[in-house]
């Protein structure tokens, strides 16, 4: 009789050992899994921001391949170029709430920004670790996909273990987005303006102003550019312009190449 009773109780104790300790805080089975499970360390998180490169941002008065019109004294081209530095931050964004089910218990991960708590490496795989949630650490792969396996904190230790059960998510596939930031310089490193100055001596006259950065055209170098009045294509500061019509009052044109 005693042997039969032991056989009935044993599966119950084994099932308890798989449950998080908020449900069976003082169970012997849960203590056993902490004692026998393999332990792992969570590595420190990456830097708060990581520089990913620079790019040039242009502010132009024209739209490529669209017909433009400049009257005498108006800008044919107005170009400012700014340097922008790009960074990736130590955060992911969950855009919609996710329901996680672990051992028949449901919990909700709210839509918000999540900082990267640390890095977890297993074999040749590397994962981002999200902050602790009900004693659990959910994992993201390098593409931001939420993983069904997760870590569980080991009581009385700074170590974690891989929980034997897998989490189920609704929706089934969850991808979080890494947060990117950028810083754009306030002063342009390139600032020039080309003004239409009409037709003189059977030539298209353009007035060129290359401004000192930060002066907004107040100071810099100046020049006069002249092209034959019957020109159909002209090149100005690397921009290729198709001339549709030019007279003493105005010029219509298309910027066909930056």
C-alpha atoms as a PDB file:
ATOM      1  CA  UNK A   1       0.000   0.000   0.000  1.00  0.00           C
ATOM      2  CA  UNK A   2       2.777   2.427   0.972  1.00  0.00           C
ATOM      3  CA  UNK A   3       4.648   1.657  -2.247  1.00  0.00           C
ATOM      4  CA  UNK A   4       1.534   2.333  -4.339  1.00  0.00           C
ATOM      5  CA  UNK A   5       0.976   5.664  -2.583  1.00  0.00           C
ATOM      6  CA  UNK A   6       4.573   6.689  -3.305  1.00  0.00           C
ATOM      7  CA  UNK A   7       4.101   5.945  -6.989  1.00  0.00           C
ATOM      8  CA  UNK A   8       1.009   8.207  -7.105  1.00  0.00           C
ATOM      9  CA  UNK A   9       2.696  11.112  -5.294  1.00  0.00           C
ATOM     10  CA  UNK A  10       5.945  11.058  -7.280  1.00  0.00           C
ATOM     11  CA  UNK A  11       4.506  12.475 -10.575  1.00  0.00           C
ATOM     12  CA  UNK A  12       2.819  15.275  -8.642  1.00  0.00           C
ATOM     13  CA  UNK A  13       6.122  16.296  -7.039  1.00  0.00           C
ATOM     14  CA  UNK A  14       7.871  16.179 -10.394  1.00  0.00           C
ATOM     15  CA  UNK A  15       5.272  18.476 -11.969  1.00  0.00           C
ATOM     16  CA  UNK A  16       5.641  20.939  -9.113  1.00  0.00           C
ATOM     17  CA  UNK A  17       9.371  21.108  -9.742  1.00  0.00           C
ATOM     18  CA  UNK A  18       8.727  22.657 -13.152  1.00  0.00           C
ATOM     19  CA  UNK A  19       6.605  25.554 -11.875  1.00  0.00           C
ATOM     20  CA  UNK A  20       7.915  29.046 -11.129  1.00  0.00           C
ATOM     21  CA  UNK A  21       8.392  29.764  -7.451  1.00  0.00           C
ATOM     22  CA  UNK A  22       5.682  32.431  -7.283  1.00  0.00           C
ATOM     23  CA  UNK A  23       3.235  29.490  -7.601  1.00  0.00           C
ATOM     24  CA  UNK A  24       5.121  26.957  -5.402  1.00  0.00           C
ATOM     25  CA  UNK A  25       7.541  29.097  -3.459  1.00  0.00           C
ATOM     26  CA  UNK A  26       8.315  26.558  -0.726  1.00  0.00           C
ATOM     27  CA  UNK A  27       7.919  23.277  -2.603  1.00  0.00           C
ATOM     28  CA  UNK A  28      10.698  20.725  -2.300  1.00  0.00           C
ATOM     29  CA  UNK A  29      10.398  19.983  -6.022  1.00  0.00           C
ATOM     30  CA  UNK A  30      11.181  23.563  -6.945  1.00  0.00           C
ATOM     31  CA  UNK A  31      14.211  23.577  -4.639  1.00  0.00           C
ATOM     32  CA  UNK A  32      15.393  20.383  -6.290  1.00  0.00           C
ATOM     33  CA  UNK A  33      15.368  21.913  -9.789  1.00  0.00           C
ATOM     34  CA  UNK A  34      17.509  24.793  -8.526  1.00  0.00           C
ATOM     35  CA  UNK A  35      19.999  22.375  -7.028  1.00  0.00           C
ATOM     36  CA  UNK A  36      20.292  20.062 -10.043  1.00  0.00           C
ATOM     37  CA  UNK A  37      19.848  22.451 -12.988  1.00  0.00           C
ATOM     38  CA  UNK A  38      22.782  23.796 -14.969  1.00  0.00           C
ATOM     39  CA  UNK A  39      23.539  27.387 -14.054  1.00  0.00           C
ATOM     40  CA  UNK A  40      24.546  30.206 -16.367  1.00  0.00           C
ATOM     41  CA  UNK A  41      25.676  33.800 -16.067  1.00  0.00           C
ATOM     42  CA  UNK A  42      24.096  36.739 -17.857  1.00  0.00           C
ATOM     43  CA  UNK A  43      26.798  38.857 -19.442  1.00  0.00           C
ATOM     44  CA  UNK A  44      26.729  42.684 -19.200  1.00  0.00           C
ATOM     45  CA  UNK A  45      24.638  44.592 -21.761  1.00  0.00           C
ATOM     46  CA  UNK A  46      26.159  46.456 -24.722  1.00  0.00           C
ATOM     47  CA  UNK A  47      26.999  50.142 -24.489  1.00  0.00           C
ATOM     48  CA  UNK A  48      24.082  52.553 -24.139  1.00  0.00           C
ATOM     49  CA  UNK A  49      24.656  53.822 -27.657  1.00  0.00           C
ATOM     50  CA  UNK A  50      26.809  52.386 -30.433  1.00  0.00           C
ATOM     51  CA  UNK A  51      27.935  54.558 -33.339  1.00  0.00           C
ATOM     52  CA  UNK A  52      26.849  53.026 -36.661  1.00  0.00           C
ATOM     53  CA  UNK A  53      28.171  55.601 -39.105  1.00  0.00           C
ATOM     54  CA  UNK A  54      27.625  59.053 -40.567  1.00  0.00           C
ATOM     55  CA  UNK A  55      25.629  60.267 -43.541  1.00  0.00           C
ATOM     56  CA  UNK A  56      25.045  63.510 -45.380  1.00  0.00           C
ATOM     57  CA  UNK A  57      21.613  65.110 -45.249  1.00  0.00           C
ATOM     58  CA  UNK A  58      20.780  67.604 -47.980  1.00  0.00           C
ATOM     59  CA  UNK A  59      18.271  70.424 -47.870  1.00  0.00           C
ATOM     60  CA  UNK A  60      17.557  71.485 -51.440  1.00  0.00           C
ATOM     61  CA  UNK A  61      15.119  73.911 -53.033  1.00  0.00           C
ATOM     62  CA  UNK A  62      14.474  71.554 -55.944  1.00  0.00           C
ATOM     63  CA  UNK A  63      12.987  68.129 -56.571  1.00  0.00           C
ATOM     64  CA  UNK A  64      14.863  65.835 -58.917  1.00  0.00           C
ATOM     65  CA  UNK A  65      13.224  65.403 -62.358  1.00  0.00           C
ATOM     66  CA  UNK A  66      10.511  68.005 -61.706  1.00  0.00           C
ATOM     67  CA  UNK A  67      10.050  71.207 -63.735  1.00  0.00           C
ATOM     68  CA  UNK A  68      11.225  74.283 -61.821  1.00  0.00           C
ATOM     69  CA  UNK A  69      10.926  78.011 -62.512  1.00  0.00           C
ATOM     70  CA  UNK A  70      13.282  80.772 -61.383  1.00  0.00           C
ATOM     71  CA  UNK A  71      12.708  84.445 -62.126  1.00  0.00           C
ATOM     72  CA  UNK A  72      15.545  86.978 -62.241  1.00  0.00           C
ATOM     73  CA  UNK A  73      16.904  87.346 -58.703  1.00  0.00           C
ATOM     74  CA  UNK A  74      15.487  83.975 -57.541  1.00  0.00           C
ATOM     75  CA  UNK A  75      17.427  80.849 -56.649  1.00  0.00           C
ATOM     76  CA  UNK A  76      17.899  78.212 -59.312  1.00  0.00           C
ATOM     77  CA  UNK A  77      19.718  76.018 -56.796  1.00  0.00           C
ATOM     78  CA  UNK A  78      19.857  76.333 -53.019  1.00  0.00           C
ATOM     79  CA  UNK A  79      21.779  73.527 -51.361  1.00  0.00           C
ATOM     80  CA  UNK A  80      22.770  72.938 -47.757  1.00  0.00           C
ATOM     81  CA  UNK A  81      24.483  69.760 -46.578  1.00  0.00           C
ATOM     82  CA  UNK A  82      24.577  68.603 -42.964  1.00  0.00           C
ATOM     83  CA  UNK A  83      26.457  65.766 -41.307  1.00  0.00           C
ATOM     84  CA  UNK A  84      24.304  63.298 -39.367  1.00  0.00           C
ATOM     85  CA  UNK A  85      25.712  60.677 -36.972  1.00  0.00           C
ATOM     86  CA  UNK A  86      23.651  57.527 -36.441  1.00  0.00           C
ATOM     87  CA  UNK A  87      23.536  55.335 -33.336  1.00  0.00           C
ATOM     88  CA  UNK A  88      21.815  52.174 -32.170  1.00  0.00           C
ATOM     89  CA  UNK A  89      20.647  52.331 -28.555  1.00  0.00           C
ATOM     90  CA  UNK A  90      20.427  49.697 -25.832  1.00  0.00           C
ATOM     91  CA  UNK A  91      16.659  49.355 -26.224  1.00  0.00           C
ATOM     92  CA  UNK A  92      14.023  47.384 -28.085  1.00  0.00           C
ATOM     93  CA  UNK A  93      10.431  48.431 -28.748  1.00  0.00           C
ATOM     94  CA  UNK A  94       7.465  46.088 -28.427  1.00  0.00           C
ATOM     95  CA  UNK A  95       4.793  47.764 -30.544  1.00  0.00           C
ATOM     96  CA  UNK A  96       1.819  45.643 -29.439  1.00  0.00           C
ATOM     97  CA  UNK A  97       1.110  43.735 -26.185  1.00  0.00           C
ATOM     98  CA  UNK A  98       2.045  40.062 -26.200  1.00  0.00           C
ATOM     99  CA  UNK A  99       0.468  37.257 -24.189  1.00  0.00           C
ATOM    100  CA  UNK A 100       2.994  34.751 -22.872  1.00  0.00           C
ATOM    101  CA  UNK A 101       1.832  31.370 -21.587  1.00  0.00           C
ATOM    102  CA  UNK A 102       4.140  29.412 -19.301  1.00  0.00           C
ATOM    103  CA  UNK A 103       2.944  26.172 -17.724  1.00  0.00           C
ATOM    104  CA  UNK A 104      -0.746  27.064 -18.349  1.00  0.00           C
ATOM    105  CA  UNK A 105      -0.307  30.480 -16.748  1.00  0.00           C
ATOM    106  CA  UNK A 106      -0.820  33.573 -18.897  1.00  0.00           C
ATOM    107  CA  UNK A 107       0.917  36.895 -18.466  1.00  0.00           C
ATOM    108  CA  UNK A 108       1.047  40.029 -20.605  1.00  0.00           C
ATOM    109  CA  UNK A 109       4.129  41.822 -21.822  1.00  0.00           C
ATOM    110  CA  UNK A 110       2.969  45.416 -22.342  1.00  0.00           C
ATOM    111  CA  UNK A 111       3.793  47.421 -25.447  1.00  0.00           C
ATOM    112  CA  UNK A 112       6.672  49.731 -24.512  1.00  0.00           C
ATOM    113  CA  UNK A 113      10.432  50.195 -24.716  1.00  0.00           C
ATOM    114  CA  UNK A 114      12.529  47.484 -23.080  1.00  0.00           C
ATOM    115  CA  UNK A 115      16.177  48.082 -22.189  1.00  0.00           C
ATOM    116  CA  UNK A 116      18.630  45.285 -22.873  1.00  0.00           C
ATOM    117  CA  UNK A 117      19.413  43.784 -19.476  1.00  0.00           C
ATOM    118  CA  UNK A 118      22.333  41.686 -20.673  1.00  0.00           C
ATOM    119  CA  UNK A 119      23.722  39.153 -23.136  1.00  0.00           C
ATOM    120  CA  UNK A 120      23.298  35.375 -22.949  1.00  0.00           C
ATOM    121  CA  UNK A 121      25.540  33.010 -24.874  1.00  0.00           C
ATOM    122  CA  UNK A 122      24.904  29.327 -25.378  1.00  0.00           C
ATOM    123  CA  UNK A 123      27.120  27.365 -27.729  1.00  0.00           C
ATOM    124  CA  UNK A 124      27.544  29.482 -30.854  1.00  0.00           C
ATOM    125  CA  UNK A 125      24.302  31.407 -30.268  1.00  0.00           C
ATOM    126  CA  UNK A 126      24.020  34.858 -28.737  1.00  0.00           C
ATOM    127  CA  UNK A 127      20.837  36.380 -27.342  1.00  0.00           C
ATOM    128  CA  UNK A 128      19.743  39.697 -25.895  1.00  0.00           C
ATOM    129  CA  UNK A 129      18.248  39.365 -22.413  1.00  0.00           C
ATOM    130  CA  UNK A 130      15.225  41.460 -21.464  1.00  0.00           C
ATOM    131  CA  UNK A 131      14.715  42.712 -17.886  1.00  0.00           C
ATOM    132  CA  UNK A 132      13.389  40.211 -15.346  1.00  0.00           C
ATOM    133  CA  UNK A 133       9.655  39.583 -15.592  1.00  0.00           C
ATOM    134  CA  UNK A 134       8.080  37.442 -12.838  1.00  0.00           C
ATOM    135  CA  UNK A 135      11.441  35.745 -12.132  1.00  0.00           C
ATOM    136  CA  UNK A 136      11.898  35.067 -15.857  1.00  0.00           C
ATOM    137  CA  UNK A 137      14.279  36.549 -18.397  1.00  0.00           C
ATOM    138  CA  UNK A 138      12.911  36.439 -21.931  1.00  0.00           C
ATOM    139  CA  UNK A 139      15.400  36.217 -24.799  1.00  0.00           C
ATOM    140  CA  UNK A 140      15.651  37.855 -28.215  1.00  0.00           C
ATOM    141  CA  UNK A 141      17.856  36.644 -31.018  1.00  0.00           C
ATOM    142  CA  UNK A 142      20.040  39.048 -32.960  1.00  0.00           C
ATOM    143  CA  UNK A 143      17.081  39.875 -35.236  1.00  0.00           C
ATOM    144  CA  UNK A 144      14.874  40.868 -32.287  1.00  0.00           C
ATOM    145  CA  UNK A 145      12.679  37.736 -32.410  1.00  0.00           C
ATOM    146  CA  UNK A 146      11.265  36.659 -29.041  1.00  0.00           C
ATOM    147  CA  UNK A 147      12.404  33.131 -28.147  1.00  0.00           C
ATOM    148  CA  UNK A 148      10.277  30.353 -26.675  1.00  0.00           C
ATOM    149  CA  UNK A 149      13.088  29.281 -24.373  1.00  0.00           C
ATOM    150  CA  UNK A 150      13.810  31.591 -21.491  1.00  0.00           C
ATOM    151  CA  UNK A 151      15.945  31.919 -18.394  1.00  0.00           C
ATOM    152  CA  UNK A 152      14.801  31.616 -14.807  1.00  0.00           C
ATOM    153  CA  UNK A 153      16.550  33.160 -11.827  1.00  0.00           C
ATOM    154  CA  UNK A 154      18.061  30.726  -9.346  1.00  0.00           C
ATOM    155  CA  UNK A 155      16.966  31.485  -5.817  1.00  0.00           C
ATOM    156  CA  UNK A 156      19.720  32.856  -3.624  1.00  0.00           C
ATOM    157  CA  UNK A 157      22.131  33.161  -6.544  1.00  0.00           C
ATOM    158  CA  UNK A 158      23.099  35.607  -9.262  1.00  0.00           C
ATOM    159  CA  UNK A 159      22.983  32.719 -11.725  1.00  0.00           C
ATOM    160  CA  UNK A 160      20.130  31.677 -14.005  1.00  0.00           C
ATOM    161  CA  UNK A 161      18.958  28.401 -15.474  1.00  0.00           C
ATOM    162  CA  UNK A 162      17.189  27.516 -18.699  1.00  0.00           C
ATOM    163  CA  UNK A 163      13.589  26.725 -17.779  1.00  0.00           C
ATOM    164  CA  UNK A 164      12.632  23.182 -18.930  1.00  0.00           C
ATOM    165  CA  UNK A 165       9.298  24.252 -20.448  1.00  0.00           C
ATOM    166  CA  UNK A 166       8.936  26.556 -23.451  1.00  0.00           C
ATOM    167  CA  UNK A 167       6.866  29.705 -23.456  1.00  0.00           C
ATOM    168  CA  UNK A 168       4.056  30.140 -25.982  1.00  0.00           C
ATOM    169  CA  UNK A 169       3.213  33.558 -27.334  1.00  0.00           C
ATOM    170  CA  UNK A 170       0.160  35.168 -28.845  1.00  0.00           C
ATOM    171  CA  UNK A 171       0.759  36.221 -31.565  1.00  0.00           C
ATOM    172  CA  UNK A 172       2.974  33.191 -32.131  1.00  0.00           C
ATOM    173  CA  UNK A 173       5.773  35.169 -33.778  1.00  0.00           C
ATOM    174  CA  UNK A 174       6.938  38.336 -32.033  1.00  0.00           C
ATOM    175  CA  UNK A 175       9.624  40.633 -33.355  1.00  0.00           C
ATOM    176  CA  UNK A 176      10.802  43.652 -31.418  1.00  0.00           C
ATOM    177  CA  UNK A 177      12.481  46.628 -33.081  1.00  0.00           C
ATOM    178  CA  UNK A 178      15.847  47.999 -32.036  1.00  0.00           C
ATOM    179  CA  UNK A 179      15.797  51.704 -31.214  1.00  0.00           C
ATOM    180  CA  UNK A 180      17.933  53.902 -33.467  1.00  0.00           C
ATOM    181  CA  UNK A 181      18.826  57.524 -32.806  1.00  0.00           C
ATOM    182  CA  UNK A 182      20.687  60.209 -34.737  1.00  0.00           C
ATOM    183  CA  UNK A 183      22.318  63.573 -34.165  1.00  0.00           C
ATOM    184  CA  UNK A 184      22.427  66.112 -36.971  1.00  0.00           C
ATOM    185  CA  UNK A 185      24.842  69.019 -36.878  1.00  0.00           C
ATOM    186  CA  UNK A 186      23.137  72.402 -36.747  1.00  0.00           C
ATOM    187  CA  UNK A 187      25.577  74.133 -39.083  1.00  0.00           C
ATOM    188  CA  UNK A 188      25.903  72.969 -42.707  1.00  0.00           C
ATOM    189  CA  UNK A 189      29.351  72.032 -43.970  1.00  0.00           C
ATOM    190  CA  UNK A 190      28.213  72.932 -47.505  1.00  0.00           C
ATOM    191  CA  UNK A 191      26.039  75.944 -48.286  1.00  0.00           C
ATOM    192  CA  UNK A 192      25.668  77.449 -51.749  1.00  0.00           C
ATOM    193  CA  UNK A 193      23.101  79.276 -53.862  1.00  0.00           C
ATOM    194  CA  UNK A 194      22.840  79.803 -57.618  1.00  0.00           C
ATOM    195  CA  UNK A 195      20.639  82.752 -58.659  1.00  0.00           C
ATOM    196  CA  UNK A 196      19.199  83.426 -62.112  1.00  0.00           C
ATOM    197  CA  UNK A 197      20.491  86.728 -63.486  1.00  0.00           C
ATOM    198  CA  UNK A 198      18.784  86.749 -66.900  1.00  0.00           C
ATOM    199  CA  UNK A 199      20.154  86.843 -70.450  1.00  0.00           C
ATOM    200  CA  UNK A 200      23.032  89.174 -71.370  1.00  0.00           C
ATOM    201  CA  UNK A 201      25.287  89.166 -74.408  1.00  0.00           C
ATOM    202  CA  UNK A 202      23.475  86.088 -75.697  1.00  0.00           C
ATOM    203  CA  UNK A 203      24.411  84.195 -72.545  1.00  0.00           C
ATOM    204  CA  UNK A 204      22.521  82.683 -69.606  1.00  0.00           C
ATOM    205  CA  UNK A 205      23.920  84.418 -66.539  1.00  0.00           C
ATOM    206  CA  UNK A 206      23.909  82.762 -63.125  1.00  0.00           C
ATOM    207  CA  UNK A 207      25.197  84.362 -59.918  1.00  0.00           C
ATOM    208  CA  UNK A 208      26.950  81.866 -57.644  1.00  0.00           C
ATOM    209  CA  UNK A 209      27.296  82.345 -53.872  1.00  0.00           C
ATOM    210  CA  UNK A 210      29.279  79.869 -51.776  1.00  0.00           C
ATOM    211  CA  UNK A 211      28.470  80.782 -48.167  1.00  0.00           C
ATOM    212  CA  UNK A 212      30.685  80.353 -45.140  1.00  0.00           C
ATOM    213  CA  UNK A 213      28.959  77.680 -43.002  1.00  0.00           C
ATOM    214  CA  UNK A 214      26.718  79.252 -40.388  1.00  0.00           C
ATOM    215  CA  UNK A 215      26.410  82.654 -42.078  1.00  0.00           C
ATOM    216  CA  UNK A 216      23.373  81.675 -44.172  1.00  0.00           C
ATOM    217  CA  UNK A 217      24.864  83.396 -47.207  1.00  0.00           C
ATOM    218  CA  UNK A 218      25.973  86.462 -45.307  1.00  0.00           C
ATOM    219  CA  UNK A 219      29.616  85.930 -46.196  1.00  0.00           C
ATOM    220  CA  UNK A 220      31.601  83.737 -48.522  1.00  0.00           C
ATOM    221  CA  UNK A 221      32.801  83.633 -52.109  1.00  0.00           C
ATOM    222  CA  UNK A 222      30.907  84.950 -55.120  1.00  0.00           C
ATOM    223  CA  UNK A 223      31.197  84.314 -58.855  1.00  0.00           C
ATOM    224  CA  UNK A 224      29.354  84.794 -62.133  1.00  0.00           C
ATOM    225  CA  UNK A 225      28.660  81.809 -64.363  1.00  0.00           C
ATOM    226  CA  UNK A 226      27.814  82.204 -68.061  1.00  0.00           C
ATOM    227  CA  UNK A 227      26.475  79.663 -70.573  1.00  0.00           C
ATOM    228  CA  UNK A 228      25.413  80.029 -74.243  1.00  0.00           C
ATOM    229  CA  UNK A 229      21.808  81.213 -74.470  1.00  0.00           C
ATOM    230  CA  UNK A 230      20.839  78.196 -76.582  1.00  0.00           C
ATOM    231  CA  UNK A 231      22.221  75.678 -74.055  1.00  0.00           C
ATOM    232  CA  UNK A 232      19.927  72.732 -73.376  1.00  0.00           C
ATOM    233  CA  UNK A 233      22.070  71.073 -70.667  1.00  0.00           C
ATOM    234  CA  UNK A 234      24.361  72.801 -68.176  1.00  0.00           C
ATOM    235  CA  UNK A 235      26.307  71.561 -65.174  1.00  0.00           C
ATOM    236  CA  UNK A 236      26.388  73.645 -61.996  1.00  0.00           C
ATOM    237  CA  UNK A 237      28.196  72.421 -58.841  1.00  0.00           C
ATOM    238  CA  UNK A 238      27.800  68.797 -59.870  1.00  0.00           C
ATOM    239  CA  UNK A 239      24.068  69.216 -60.649  1.00  0.00           C
ATOM    240  CA  UNK A 240      22.999  68.592 -64.236  1.00  0.00           C
ATOM    241  CA  UNK A 241      20.227  70.921 -65.416  1.00  0.00           C
ATOM    242  CA  UNK A 242      18.086  70.601 -68.532  1.00  0.00           C
ATOM    243  CA  UNK A 243      17.141  74.093 -69.734  1.00  0.00           C
ATOM    244  CA  UNK A 244      13.593  74.201 -71.063  1.00  0.00           C
ATOM    245  CA  UNK A 245      13.403  77.949 -71.672  1.00  0.00           C
ATOM    246  CA  UNK A 246      15.467  80.966 -70.645  1.00  0.00           C
ATOM    247  CA  UNK A 247      14.738  84.640 -71.350  1.00  0.00           C
ATOM    248  CA  UNK A 248      15.359  88.035 -69.781  1.00  0.00           C
ATOM    249  CA  UNK A 249      12.723  87.469 -67.092  1.00  0.00           C
ATOM    250  CA  UNK A 250      12.828  83.798 -66.081  1.00  0.00           C
ATOM    251  CA  UNK A 251      14.209  80.342 -66.685  1.00  0.00           C
ATOM    252  CA  UNK A 252      12.388  77.019 -66.586  1.00  0.00           C
ATOM    253  CA  UNK A 253      14.528  73.933 -66.042  1.00  0.00           C
ATOM    254  CA  UNK A 254      14.716  70.385 -64.642  1.00  0.00           C
ATOM    255  CA  UNK A 255      17.445  69.086 -62.341  1.00  0.00           C
ATOM    256  CA  UNK A 256      18.079  65.665 -63.861  1.00  0.00           C
ATOM    257  CA  UNK A 257      21.080  64.623 -61.755  1.00  0.00           C
ATOM    258  CA  UNK A 258      22.378  65.465 -58.290  1.00  0.00           C
END
